[in-house]
N, C-alpha and C. Protein backbone atom coordinates (compact mmCIF):
# COMPACT_ATOMS: atom_id res chain seq x y z
N MET A 1 84.41 82.51 96.24
CA MET A 1 84.77 82.81 97.63
C MET A 1 84.19 84.16 98.03
N PRO A 2 83.72 84.28 99.28
CA PRO A 2 83.18 85.57 99.74
C PRO A 2 84.29 86.61 99.81
N MET A 3 83.92 87.86 99.57
CA MET A 3 84.90 88.96 99.64
C MET A 3 85.22 89.28 101.08
N SER A 4 86.46 89.68 101.32
CA SER A 4 86.86 90.12 102.64
C SER A 4 86.26 91.48 102.94
N ASP A 5 86.19 91.80 104.22
CA ASP A 5 85.68 93.12 104.61
C ASP A 5 86.55 94.22 104.01
N GLU A 6 87.86 93.99 103.95
CA GLU A 6 88.76 95.01 103.40
C GLU A 6 88.46 95.25 101.92
N MET A 7 88.23 94.17 101.17
CA MET A 7 87.94 94.34 99.75
C MET A 7 86.62 95.07 99.54
N ILE A 8 85.63 94.79 100.37
CA ILE A 8 84.36 95.49 100.27
C ILE A 8 84.55 96.98 100.51
N GLU A 9 85.37 97.33 101.50
CA GLU A 9 85.64 98.75 101.78
C GLU A 9 86.34 99.41 100.59
N ARG A 10 87.30 98.71 99.99
CA ARG A 10 88.02 99.27 98.85
C ARG A 10 87.09 99.49 97.66
N LEU A 11 86.22 98.55 97.42
CA LEU A 11 85.26 98.69 96.32
C LEU A 11 84.27 99.82 96.59
N THR A 12 83.88 99.97 97.85
CA THR A 12 82.96 101.05 98.21
C THR A 12 83.62 102.40 97.97
N ILE A 13 84.89 102.53 98.33
CA ILE A 13 85.63 103.78 98.10
C ILE A 13 85.78 104.03 96.61
N ARG A 14 86.08 102.99 95.86
CA ARG A 14 86.21 103.14 94.41
C ARG A 14 84.90 103.65 93.80
N GLU A 15 83.79 103.10 94.23
CA GLU A 15 82.50 103.54 93.72
C GLU A 15 82.25 105.00 94.07
N LEU A 16 82.63 105.40 95.27
CA LEU A 16 82.47 106.79 95.69
C LEU A 16 83.24 107.72 94.77
N VAL A 17 84.48 107.36 94.47
CA VAL A 17 85.32 108.17 93.58
C VAL A 17 84.70 108.26 92.18
N GLU A 18 84.20 107.14 91.69
CA GLU A 18 83.58 107.14 90.36
C GLU A 18 82.29 107.94 90.34
N ASN A 19 81.50 107.83 91.41
CA ASN A 19 80.26 108.60 91.47
C ASN A 19 80.53 110.09 91.46
N TRP A 20 81.59 110.52 92.12
CA TRP A 20 81.95 111.94 92.13
C TRP A 20 82.07 112.45 90.69
N ALA A 21 82.83 111.75 89.86
CA ALA A 21 83.08 112.21 88.50
C ALA A 21 81.82 112.13 87.63
N ILE A 22 81.09 111.03 87.72
CA ILE A 22 79.93 110.86 86.85
C ILE A 22 78.82 111.83 87.22
N TRP A 23 78.55 111.97 88.50
CA TRP A 23 77.45 112.84 88.91
C TRP A 23 77.80 114.31 88.73
N ARG A 24 79.04 114.69 88.98
CA ARG A 24 79.44 116.08 88.77
C ARG A 24 79.39 116.45 87.29
N ASP A 25 79.96 115.60 86.44
CA ASP A 25 80.05 115.93 85.02
C ASP A 25 78.71 115.87 84.31
N SER A 26 77.75 115.14 84.86
CA SER A 26 76.43 115.05 84.25
C SER A 26 75.44 116.04 84.85
N GLY A 27 75.90 116.82 85.85
CA GLY A 27 75.03 117.81 86.47
C GLY A 27 73.97 117.22 87.38
N ASP A 28 74.26 116.05 87.94
CA ASP A 28 73.32 115.40 88.86
C ASP A 28 73.64 115.89 90.28
N TRP A 29 73.25 117.12 90.57
CA TRP A 29 73.74 117.82 91.76
C TRP A 29 73.22 117.22 93.06
N GLU A 30 72.01 116.72 93.08
CA GLU A 30 71.49 116.15 94.32
C GLU A 30 72.26 114.89 94.72
N ARG A 31 72.53 114.03 93.75
CA ARG A 31 73.32 112.84 94.08
C ARG A 31 74.79 113.20 94.31
N PHE A 32 75.27 114.21 93.59
CA PHE A 32 76.65 114.65 93.80
C PHE A 32 76.87 115.10 95.24
N ARG A 33 75.88 115.74 95.80
CA ARG A 33 75.98 116.20 97.18
C ARG A 33 76.18 115.04 98.16
N THR A 34 75.68 113.86 97.82
CA THR A 34 75.71 112.74 98.76
C THR A 34 77.09 112.10 98.90
N VAL A 35 78.02 112.40 98.00
CA VAL A 35 79.34 111.78 98.12
C VAL A 35 80.20 112.50 99.16
N TRP A 36 79.76 113.69 99.58
CA TRP A 36 80.50 114.49 100.54
C TRP A 36 79.94 114.33 101.95
N HIS A 37 80.79 114.54 102.94
CA HIS A 37 80.29 114.81 104.28
C HIS A 37 79.93 116.29 104.36
N ASP A 38 79.15 116.65 105.38
CA ASP A 38 78.65 118.03 105.47
C ASP A 38 79.77 119.06 105.53
N ASP A 39 80.92 118.66 106.11
CA ASP A 39 82.04 119.59 106.22
C ASP A 39 83.07 119.39 105.12
N GLY A 40 82.69 118.70 104.05
CA GLY A 40 83.61 118.40 102.96
C GLY A 40 84.10 119.66 102.26
N ARG A 41 85.35 119.59 101.75
CA ARG A 41 85.94 120.73 101.04
C ARG A 41 86.61 120.26 99.76
N MET A 42 86.54 121.12 98.75
CA MET A 42 87.19 120.86 97.47
C MET A 42 88.28 121.88 97.25
N MET A 43 89.46 121.39 96.84
CA MET A 43 90.60 122.27 96.59
C MET A 43 90.94 122.21 95.11
N ALA A 44 90.23 122.97 94.30
CA ALA A 44 90.48 123.04 92.86
C ALA A 44 91.31 124.27 92.55
N THR A 45 91.88 124.32 91.35
CA THR A 45 92.68 125.48 90.97
C THR A 45 91.83 126.75 90.99
N TRP A 46 90.60 126.64 90.53
CA TRP A 46 89.74 127.81 90.33
C TRP A 46 88.86 128.13 91.53
N LEU A 47 88.75 127.20 92.50
CA LEU A 47 87.89 127.41 93.66
C LEU A 47 88.29 126.47 94.79
N GLN A 48 88.55 127.03 95.95
CA GLN A 48 88.82 126.24 97.16
C GLN A 48 87.70 126.57 98.13
N ALA A 49 86.83 125.61 98.38
CA ALA A 49 85.61 125.97 99.09
C ALA A 49 84.96 124.76 99.74
N ASP A 50 83.97 125.05 100.60
CA ASP A 50 83.18 124.00 101.21
C ASP A 50 82.30 123.33 100.16
N ARG A 51 81.71 122.22 100.54
CA ARG A 51 80.90 121.42 99.62
C ARG A 51 79.85 122.23 98.88
N ASP A 52 79.04 122.96 99.62
CA ASP A 52 77.91 123.65 99.00
C ASP A 52 78.36 124.76 98.05
N THR A 53 79.42 125.48 98.43
CA THR A 53 79.94 126.53 97.55
C THR A 53 80.53 125.93 96.29
N PHE A 54 81.22 124.80 96.44
CA PHE A 54 81.79 124.14 95.26
C PHE A 54 80.69 123.63 94.33
N ILE A 55 79.63 123.05 94.90
CA ILE A 55 78.53 122.57 94.07
C ILE A 55 77.89 123.74 93.32
N ALA A 56 77.68 124.85 94.00
CA ALA A 56 77.08 126.02 93.36
C ALA A 56 77.98 126.53 92.23
N GLY A 57 79.28 126.59 92.49
CA GLY A 57 80.21 127.05 91.47
C GLY A 57 80.27 126.10 90.28
N SER A 58 80.26 124.80 90.56
CA SER A 58 80.29 123.81 89.48
C SER A 58 79.02 123.87 88.64
N ARG A 59 77.91 124.11 89.31
CA ARG A 59 76.64 124.22 88.58
C ARG A 59 76.64 125.43 87.65
N LYS A 60 77.19 126.53 88.13
CA LYS A 60 77.27 127.74 87.30
C LYS A 60 78.11 127.49 86.06
N VAL A 61 79.25 126.79 86.23
CA VAL A 61 80.11 126.46 85.10
C VAL A 61 79.38 125.52 84.15
N PHE A 62 78.70 124.52 84.70
CA PHE A 62 77.98 123.53 83.90
C PHE A 62 76.94 124.19 83.00
N GLU A 63 76.31 125.24 83.50
CA GLU A 63 75.24 125.91 82.76
C GLU A 63 75.76 126.98 81.80
N SER A 64 77.09 127.17 81.77
CA SER A 64 77.69 128.15 80.87
C SER A 64 78.19 127.44 79.60
N ASP A 65 78.93 128.19 78.78
CA ASP A 65 79.52 127.62 77.57
C ASP A 65 80.81 126.86 77.86
N VAL A 66 81.31 126.96 79.08
CA VAL A 66 82.56 126.30 79.46
C VAL A 66 82.26 124.84 79.82
N SER A 67 83.10 123.94 79.35
CA SER A 67 82.92 122.51 79.61
C SER A 67 84.09 121.97 80.42
N ILE A 68 83.79 121.27 81.51
CA ILE A 68 84.82 120.59 82.32
C ILE A 68 84.40 119.13 82.46
N ILE A 69 85.26 118.22 82.02
CA ILE A 69 84.97 116.79 82.07
C ILE A 69 86.15 116.07 82.72
N HIS A 70 85.84 115.07 83.53
CA HIS A 70 86.87 114.28 84.22
C HIS A 70 86.84 112.83 83.74
N PHE A 71 88.03 112.27 83.54
CA PHE A 71 88.18 110.85 83.23
C PHE A 71 89.05 110.23 84.31
N LEU A 72 88.71 109.01 84.71
CA LEU A 72 89.41 108.36 85.82
C LEU A 72 90.20 107.14 85.35
N GLY A 73 91.30 106.89 86.06
CA GLY A 73 92.11 105.70 85.84
C GLY A 73 92.11 104.84 87.09
N GLY A 74 93.23 104.24 87.38
CA GLY A 74 93.33 103.34 88.52
C GLY A 74 93.24 104.06 89.86
N THR A 75 92.78 103.32 90.87
CA THR A 75 92.64 103.85 92.23
C THR A 75 93.38 102.94 93.20
N THR A 76 94.03 103.57 94.18
CA THR A 76 94.59 102.81 95.30
C THR A 76 94.13 103.48 96.59
N SER A 77 93.87 102.68 97.62
CA SER A 77 93.36 103.22 98.88
C SER A 77 94.19 102.69 100.04
N ASP A 78 94.53 103.59 100.94
CA ASP A 78 95.13 103.22 102.23
C ASP A 78 94.07 103.45 103.29
N ILE A 79 93.69 102.39 103.99
CA ILE A 79 92.59 102.44 104.95
C ILE A 79 93.11 102.18 106.35
N ALA A 80 92.71 103.03 107.29
CA ALA A 80 93.07 102.86 108.70
C ALA A 80 91.81 103.09 109.53
N GLY A 81 91.12 102.02 109.87
CA GLY A 81 89.88 102.15 110.63
C GLY A 81 88.82 102.84 109.80
N ASN A 82 88.30 103.95 110.32
CA ASN A 82 87.26 104.70 109.62
C ASN A 82 87.81 105.85 108.78
N ARG A 83 89.12 105.83 108.55
CA ARG A 83 89.74 106.85 107.70
C ARG A 83 90.44 106.20 106.52
N ALA A 84 90.55 106.96 105.44
CA ALA A 84 91.24 106.45 104.26
C ALA A 84 91.82 107.60 103.45
N ILE A 85 92.87 107.27 102.72
CA ILE A 85 93.40 108.13 101.67
C ILE A 85 93.29 107.36 100.37
N ALA A 86 92.60 107.94 99.40
CA ALA A 86 92.48 107.32 98.08
C ALA A 86 93.22 108.19 97.07
N GLN A 87 93.96 107.55 96.18
CA GLN A 87 94.61 108.24 95.07
C GLN A 87 94.09 107.63 93.78
N THR A 88 93.67 108.49 92.86
CA THR A 88 93.08 108.03 91.61
C THR A 88 93.69 108.79 90.44
N LYS A 89 94.21 108.07 89.47
CA LYS A 89 94.70 108.72 88.26
C LYS A 89 93.53 109.37 87.54
N MET A 90 93.73 110.59 87.07
CA MET A 90 92.61 111.31 86.44
C MET A 90 93.12 112.23 85.34
N THR A 91 92.17 112.60 84.48
CA THR A 91 92.39 113.61 83.45
C THR A 91 91.29 114.65 83.57
N ILE A 92 91.67 115.92 83.57
CA ILE A 92 90.72 117.03 83.51
C ILE A 92 90.77 117.59 82.09
N ASN A 93 89.62 117.68 81.45
CA ASN A 93 89.53 118.26 80.12
C ASN A 93 88.60 119.47 80.20
N GLN A 94 89.15 120.65 79.99
CA GLN A 94 88.34 121.87 80.05
C GLN A 94 88.37 122.57 78.70
N ARG A 95 87.17 122.95 78.24
CA ARG A 95 87.03 123.63 76.94
C ARG A 95 86.51 125.04 77.17
N ALA A 96 87.19 126.00 76.56
CA ALA A 96 86.76 127.40 76.66
C ALA A 96 87.51 128.20 75.61
N GLU A 97 87.15 129.47 75.50
CA GLU A 97 87.83 130.36 74.57
C GLU A 97 89.07 130.93 75.23
N VAL A 98 90.21 130.82 74.54
CA VAL A 98 91.49 131.32 75.03
C VAL A 98 92.07 132.25 73.98
N GLU A 99 92.28 133.50 74.33
CA GLU A 99 92.83 134.51 73.41
C GLU A 99 92.07 134.50 72.07
N GLY A 100 90.74 134.39 72.18
CA GLY A 100 89.91 134.45 70.99
C GLY A 100 89.79 133.16 70.21
N VAL A 101 90.39 132.07 70.71
CA VAL A 101 90.38 130.78 70.02
C VAL A 101 89.79 129.73 70.95
N TRP A 102 88.82 128.98 70.46
CA TRP A 102 88.26 127.90 71.29
C TRP A 102 89.27 126.76 71.39
N CYS A 103 89.54 126.35 72.64
CA CYS A 103 90.59 125.37 72.91
C CYS A 103 90.13 124.32 73.90
N ASP A 104 90.82 123.19 73.86
CA ASP A 104 90.75 122.19 74.92
C ASP A 104 92.07 122.23 75.69
N VAL A 105 91.97 122.26 77.01
CA VAL A 105 93.14 122.05 77.85
C VAL A 105 92.98 120.70 78.53
N VAL A 106 94.01 119.89 78.43
CA VAL A 106 94.01 118.57 79.05
C VAL A 106 95.07 118.55 80.13
N CYS A 107 94.66 118.15 81.33
CA CYS A 107 95.58 118.12 82.48
C CYS A 107 95.55 116.71 83.07
N LEU A 108 96.73 116.12 83.23
CA LEU A 108 96.86 114.79 83.81
C LEU A 108 97.32 114.91 85.26
N GLY A 109 96.80 114.05 86.11
CA GLY A 109 97.22 114.08 87.50
C GLY A 109 96.54 113.00 88.32
N ARG A 110 96.38 113.31 89.60
CA ARG A 110 95.74 112.38 90.54
C ARG A 110 94.79 113.14 91.45
N PHE A 111 93.70 112.50 91.81
CA PHE A 111 92.90 112.97 92.92
C PHE A 111 93.48 112.36 94.19
N TYR A 112 93.71 113.19 95.18
CA TYR A 112 94.21 112.74 96.48
C TYR A 112 93.11 113.06 97.48
N ASP A 113 92.44 112.03 97.96
CA ASP A 113 91.21 112.21 98.73
C ASP A 113 91.36 111.79 100.19
N PHE A 114 90.92 112.69 101.07
CA PHE A 114 90.81 112.40 102.49
C PHE A 114 89.37 111.95 102.74
N LEU A 115 89.19 110.69 103.11
CA LEU A 115 87.87 110.10 103.27
C LEU A 115 87.66 109.63 104.70
N GLU A 116 86.41 109.62 105.11
CA GLU A 116 86.09 109.13 106.45
C GLU A 116 84.75 108.40 106.41
N LYS A 117 84.66 107.36 107.21
CA LYS A 117 83.42 106.59 107.34
C LYS A 117 82.70 107.06 108.61
N ARG A 118 81.55 107.67 108.43
CA ARG A 118 80.76 108.20 109.54
C ARG A 118 79.36 107.58 109.48
N ASP A 119 78.93 107.03 110.59
CA ASP A 119 77.61 106.40 110.66
C ASP A 119 77.44 105.39 109.53
N GLY A 120 78.51 104.65 109.27
CA GLY A 120 78.45 103.58 108.28
C GLY A 120 78.58 104.02 106.83
N ARG A 121 78.86 105.31 106.58
CA ARG A 121 78.92 105.82 105.21
C ARG A 121 80.24 106.52 104.94
N TRP A 122 80.93 106.09 103.89
CA TRP A 122 82.14 106.77 103.46
C TRP A 122 81.77 108.07 102.73
N GLY A 123 82.57 109.10 102.95
CA GLY A 123 82.33 110.37 102.27
C GLY A 123 83.61 111.17 102.17
N PHE A 124 83.60 112.15 101.27
CA PHE A 124 84.76 113.03 101.09
C PHE A 124 84.83 114.05 102.21
N VAL A 125 86.02 114.19 102.78
CA VAL A 125 86.31 115.26 103.74
C VAL A 125 87.08 116.36 103.02
N VAL A 126 88.12 115.98 102.29
CA VAL A 126 88.86 116.93 101.43
C VAL A 126 89.25 116.21 100.16
N ARG A 127 89.03 116.85 99.04
CA ARG A 127 89.57 116.38 97.76
C ARG A 127 90.60 117.39 97.26
N GLN A 128 91.85 116.90 97.10
CA GLN A 128 92.95 117.74 96.63
C GLN A 128 93.54 117.13 95.37
N PRO A 129 93.34 117.73 94.22
CA PRO A 129 94.00 117.22 93.02
C PRO A 129 95.51 117.48 93.06
N ILE A 130 96.23 116.58 92.42
CA ILE A 130 97.66 116.74 92.16
C ILE A 130 97.79 116.92 90.65
N TYR A 131 98.40 118.02 90.23
CA TYR A 131 98.47 118.38 88.81
C TYR A 131 99.86 118.05 88.28
N GLU A 132 99.94 117.10 87.35
CA GLU A 132 101.24 116.59 86.94
C GLU A 132 101.75 117.18 85.61
N LYS A 133 100.89 117.28 84.61
CA LYS A 133 101.30 117.95 83.36
C LYS A 133 100.05 118.26 82.55
N ASP A 134 100.18 119.27 81.69
CA ASP A 134 99.02 119.65 80.87
C ASP A 134 99.46 120.21 79.53
N TRP A 135 98.49 120.38 78.64
CA TRP A 135 98.74 120.99 77.34
C TRP A 135 97.46 121.61 76.82
N ILE A 136 97.60 122.44 75.77
CA ILE A 136 96.46 123.15 75.20
C ILE A 136 96.44 122.92 73.69
N ALA A 137 95.23 122.77 73.14
CA ALA A 137 95.09 122.54 71.71
C ALA A 137 93.86 123.25 71.18
N PRO A 138 94.00 124.05 70.13
CA PRO A 138 92.82 124.67 69.51
C PRO A 138 91.89 123.61 68.92
N LEU A 139 90.60 123.86 68.97
CA LEU A 139 89.64 122.93 68.37
C LEU A 139 89.81 122.91 66.85
N ASP A 140 90.09 124.06 66.28
CA ASP A 140 90.36 124.16 64.85
C ASP A 140 91.86 124.00 64.64
N PRO A 141 92.30 122.89 64.04
CA PRO A 141 93.76 122.68 63.89
C PRO A 141 94.44 123.74 63.03
N GLY A 142 93.67 124.50 62.27
CA GLY A 142 94.25 125.55 61.46
C GLY A 142 94.32 126.89 62.14
N ALA A 143 93.78 126.97 63.36
CA ALA A 143 93.76 128.25 64.08
C ALA A 143 95.14 128.58 64.64
N THR A 144 95.41 129.86 64.76
CA THR A 144 96.67 130.32 65.36
C THR A 144 96.39 130.81 66.77
N LEU A 145 97.04 130.18 67.72
CA LEU A 145 96.88 130.54 69.14
C LEU A 145 98.18 131.14 69.65
N THR A 146 98.10 132.35 70.17
CA THR A 146 99.29 133.01 70.73
C THR A 146 99.04 133.31 72.19
N LEU A 147 99.84 132.69 73.06
CA LEU A 147 99.71 132.87 74.50
C LEU A 147 100.73 133.89 74.99
N ASP A 148 100.39 134.58 76.07
CA ASP A 148 101.32 135.49 76.72
C ASP A 148 102.27 134.65 77.56
N GLN A 149 103.51 134.55 77.12
CA GLN A 149 104.47 133.64 77.77
C GLN A 149 104.72 134.03 79.22
N SER A 150 104.69 135.31 79.53
CA SER A 150 104.95 135.72 80.91
C SER A 150 103.84 135.26 81.84
N ILE A 151 102.61 135.29 81.36
CA ILE A 151 101.49 134.78 82.16
C ILE A 151 101.60 133.27 82.31
N LEU A 152 101.87 132.58 81.21
CA LEU A 152 102.00 131.13 81.24
C LEU A 152 103.08 130.69 82.22
N ASP A 153 104.22 131.36 82.18
CA ASP A 153 105.35 130.98 83.04
C ASP A 153 105.12 131.31 84.51
N SER A 154 104.11 132.12 84.81
CA SER A 154 103.86 132.49 86.20
C SER A 154 103.14 131.41 86.99
N TYR A 155 102.69 130.35 86.30
CA TYR A 155 101.98 129.27 86.97
C TYR A 155 102.85 128.01 87.00
N PRO A 156 102.61 127.12 87.96
CA PRO A 156 103.38 125.88 88.05
C PRO A 156 103.25 125.05 86.77
N VAL A 157 104.30 124.33 86.44
CA VAL A 157 104.37 123.62 85.17
C VAL A 157 103.26 122.58 85.03
N GLY A 158 102.80 122.01 86.14
CA GLY A 158 101.82 120.93 86.07
C GLY A 158 100.45 121.36 85.58
N TYR A 159 100.12 122.66 85.73
CA TYR A 159 98.78 123.10 85.31
C TYR A 159 98.79 124.51 84.73
N ARG A 160 99.89 124.90 84.10
CA ARG A 160 100.01 126.28 83.63
C ARG A 160 99.03 126.60 82.50
N HIS A 161 98.77 125.66 81.63
CA HIS A 161 97.80 125.93 80.55
C HIS A 161 96.37 125.97 81.08
N LEU A 162 96.08 125.08 82.02
CA LEU A 162 94.77 125.10 82.67
C LEU A 162 94.57 126.41 83.42
N ALA A 163 95.60 126.86 84.11
CA ALA A 163 95.52 128.12 84.85
C ALA A 163 95.35 129.30 83.90
N TYR A 164 96.05 129.26 82.78
CA TYR A 164 95.94 130.33 81.79
C TYR A 164 94.51 130.45 81.30
N LEU A 165 93.90 129.33 80.97
CA LEU A 165 92.51 129.33 80.52
C LEU A 165 91.58 129.88 81.61
N GLN A 166 91.75 129.36 82.84
CA GLN A 166 90.85 129.74 83.93
C GLN A 166 91.03 131.20 84.32
N ALA A 167 92.26 131.68 84.33
CA ALA A 167 92.49 133.09 84.64
C ALA A 167 91.85 133.98 83.58
N GLY A 168 91.87 133.53 82.33
CA GLY A 168 91.24 134.29 81.26
C GLY A 168 89.73 134.36 81.40
N LEU A 169 89.16 133.42 82.13
CA LEU A 169 87.73 133.43 82.40
C LEU A 169 87.39 134.26 83.64
N GLY A 170 88.42 134.79 84.29
CA GLY A 170 88.19 135.67 85.44
C GLY A 170 88.40 135.03 86.79
N TYR A 171 88.89 133.79 86.82
CA TYR A 171 89.11 133.12 88.10
C TYR A 171 90.46 133.50 88.70
N ASP A 172 90.50 133.57 90.03
CA ASP A 172 91.75 133.81 90.75
C ASP A 172 92.37 132.45 91.02
N VAL A 173 93.23 132.00 90.12
CA VAL A 173 93.75 130.64 90.17
C VAL A 173 94.82 130.51 91.25
N LYS A 174 94.70 129.48 92.05
CA LYS A 174 95.66 129.21 93.13
C LYS A 174 97.00 128.80 92.51
N ARG A 175 98.08 129.40 93.00
CA ARG A 175 99.39 129.23 92.36
C ARG A 175 100.31 128.23 93.06
N ASP A 176 99.85 127.58 94.11
CA ASP A 176 100.74 126.66 94.83
C ASP A 176 100.11 125.28 95.01
N MET A 177 99.41 124.83 93.98
CA MET A 177 98.84 123.49 94.02
C MET A 177 99.95 122.44 93.89
N PRO A 178 99.76 121.27 94.50
CA PRO A 178 100.78 120.23 94.40
C PRO A 178 100.92 119.67 92.99
N GLY A 179 102.16 119.39 92.61
CA GLY A 179 102.47 118.76 91.34
C GLY A 179 103.10 117.40 91.56
N LEU A 180 103.72 116.88 90.52
CA LEU A 180 104.32 115.55 90.63
C LEU A 180 105.44 115.51 91.66
N LYS A 181 106.20 116.59 91.75
CA LYS A 181 107.32 116.67 92.70
C LYS A 181 107.28 118.03 93.39
N GLY A 182 108.04 118.14 94.48
CA GLY A 182 108.18 119.43 95.13
C GLY A 182 107.60 119.49 96.52
N PRO A 183 107.83 120.60 97.22
CA PRO A 183 107.42 120.72 98.63
C PRO A 183 105.91 120.67 98.82
N GLU A 184 105.14 121.13 97.84
CA GLU A 184 103.68 121.14 98.00
C GLU A 184 103.13 119.72 98.07
N VAL A 185 103.60 118.85 97.18
CA VAL A 185 103.09 117.48 97.20
C VAL A 185 103.65 116.70 98.39
N GLU A 186 104.87 117.01 98.80
CA GLU A 186 105.43 116.35 99.98
C GLU A 186 104.63 116.73 101.23
N ALA A 187 104.22 117.99 101.32
CA ALA A 187 103.39 118.42 102.45
C ALA A 187 102.03 117.71 102.42
N LEU A 188 101.48 117.52 101.22
CA LEU A 188 100.21 116.81 101.09
C LEU A 188 100.34 115.37 101.58
N TYR A 189 101.42 114.70 101.19
CA TYR A 189 101.63 113.33 101.66
C TYR A 189 101.75 113.28 103.18
N ALA A 190 102.39 114.29 103.75
CA ALA A 190 102.52 114.34 105.21
C ALA A 190 101.16 114.50 105.87
N HIS A 191 100.30 115.33 105.28
CA HIS A 191 98.93 115.48 105.80
C HIS A 191 98.17 114.16 105.70
N GLY A 192 98.39 113.44 104.61
CA GLY A 192 97.73 112.16 104.44
C GLY A 192 98.18 111.14 105.47
N LYS A 193 99.46 111.11 105.76
CA LYS A 193 100.00 110.20 106.78
C LYS A 193 99.41 110.52 108.15
N ALA A 194 99.35 111.81 108.47
CA ALA A 194 98.78 112.22 109.75
C ALA A 194 97.29 111.87 109.84
N TRP A 195 96.58 112.02 108.73
CA TRP A 195 95.15 111.68 108.70
C TRP A 195 94.92 110.21 109.04
N LEU A 196 95.76 109.34 108.44
CA LEU A 196 95.62 107.91 108.68
C LEU A 196 96.02 107.53 110.10
N GLU A 197 96.82 108.37 110.72
CA GLU A 197 97.23 108.14 112.11
C GLU A 197 96.21 108.65 113.11
N GLY A 198 95.13 109.24 112.60
CA GLY A 198 94.05 109.71 113.48
C GLY A 198 94.21 111.13 113.97
N LYS A 199 95.16 111.86 113.41
CA LYS A 199 95.40 113.23 113.84
C LYS A 199 94.43 114.20 113.17
N PRO A 200 94.21 115.38 113.73
CA PRO A 200 93.34 116.37 113.10
C PRO A 200 93.89 116.79 111.75
N LEU A 201 93.00 117.11 110.83
CA LEU A 201 93.40 117.54 109.50
C LEU A 201 93.69 119.03 109.54
N GLU A 202 94.94 119.39 109.28
CA GLU A 202 95.36 120.78 109.32
C GLU A 202 95.94 121.17 107.97
N MET A 203 95.08 121.61 107.07
CA MET A 203 95.53 122.01 105.75
C MET A 203 94.51 122.99 105.15
């Protein structure tokens, strides 16, 4: 049976989400640029910026000793005309030196994407991760890792180990990112509802 127009749109959005992760993590910057609209913005813990600034920052990280890799799970999309909200289960795995010990930080969450179809092409307008829980593990299981508990506790529970690592690399980590529960994620859902209703994006 032929696919419905709605199913084709959902598959197209799914491919867009997958291309974001594959092209970003492989350093395919020219194709990575194509998944965004010109006014697209990324809201990451370590950088909240327009498309081009985020690509430049990601490229700098890619060319350093720090490794950031994304894994994707299931996706669901709410589509209203030429607008959509996509949510995708994801894992962020970042490797770097923490307090003199090389570690992996693993963070589980969702990508919450504001998408729009312009001139027949879907693209990212805003990508906002939701950070649900994380942990840190030394690469050497025999290594002793001692974290500053006061610094760790100063960040939200959903990404405190990721923030600890990134702050140690010199980044000014955003402290009010949405998590599994709380006012930040509820505000994000409200922005998503307004987006699907055709209202201006104010976030």
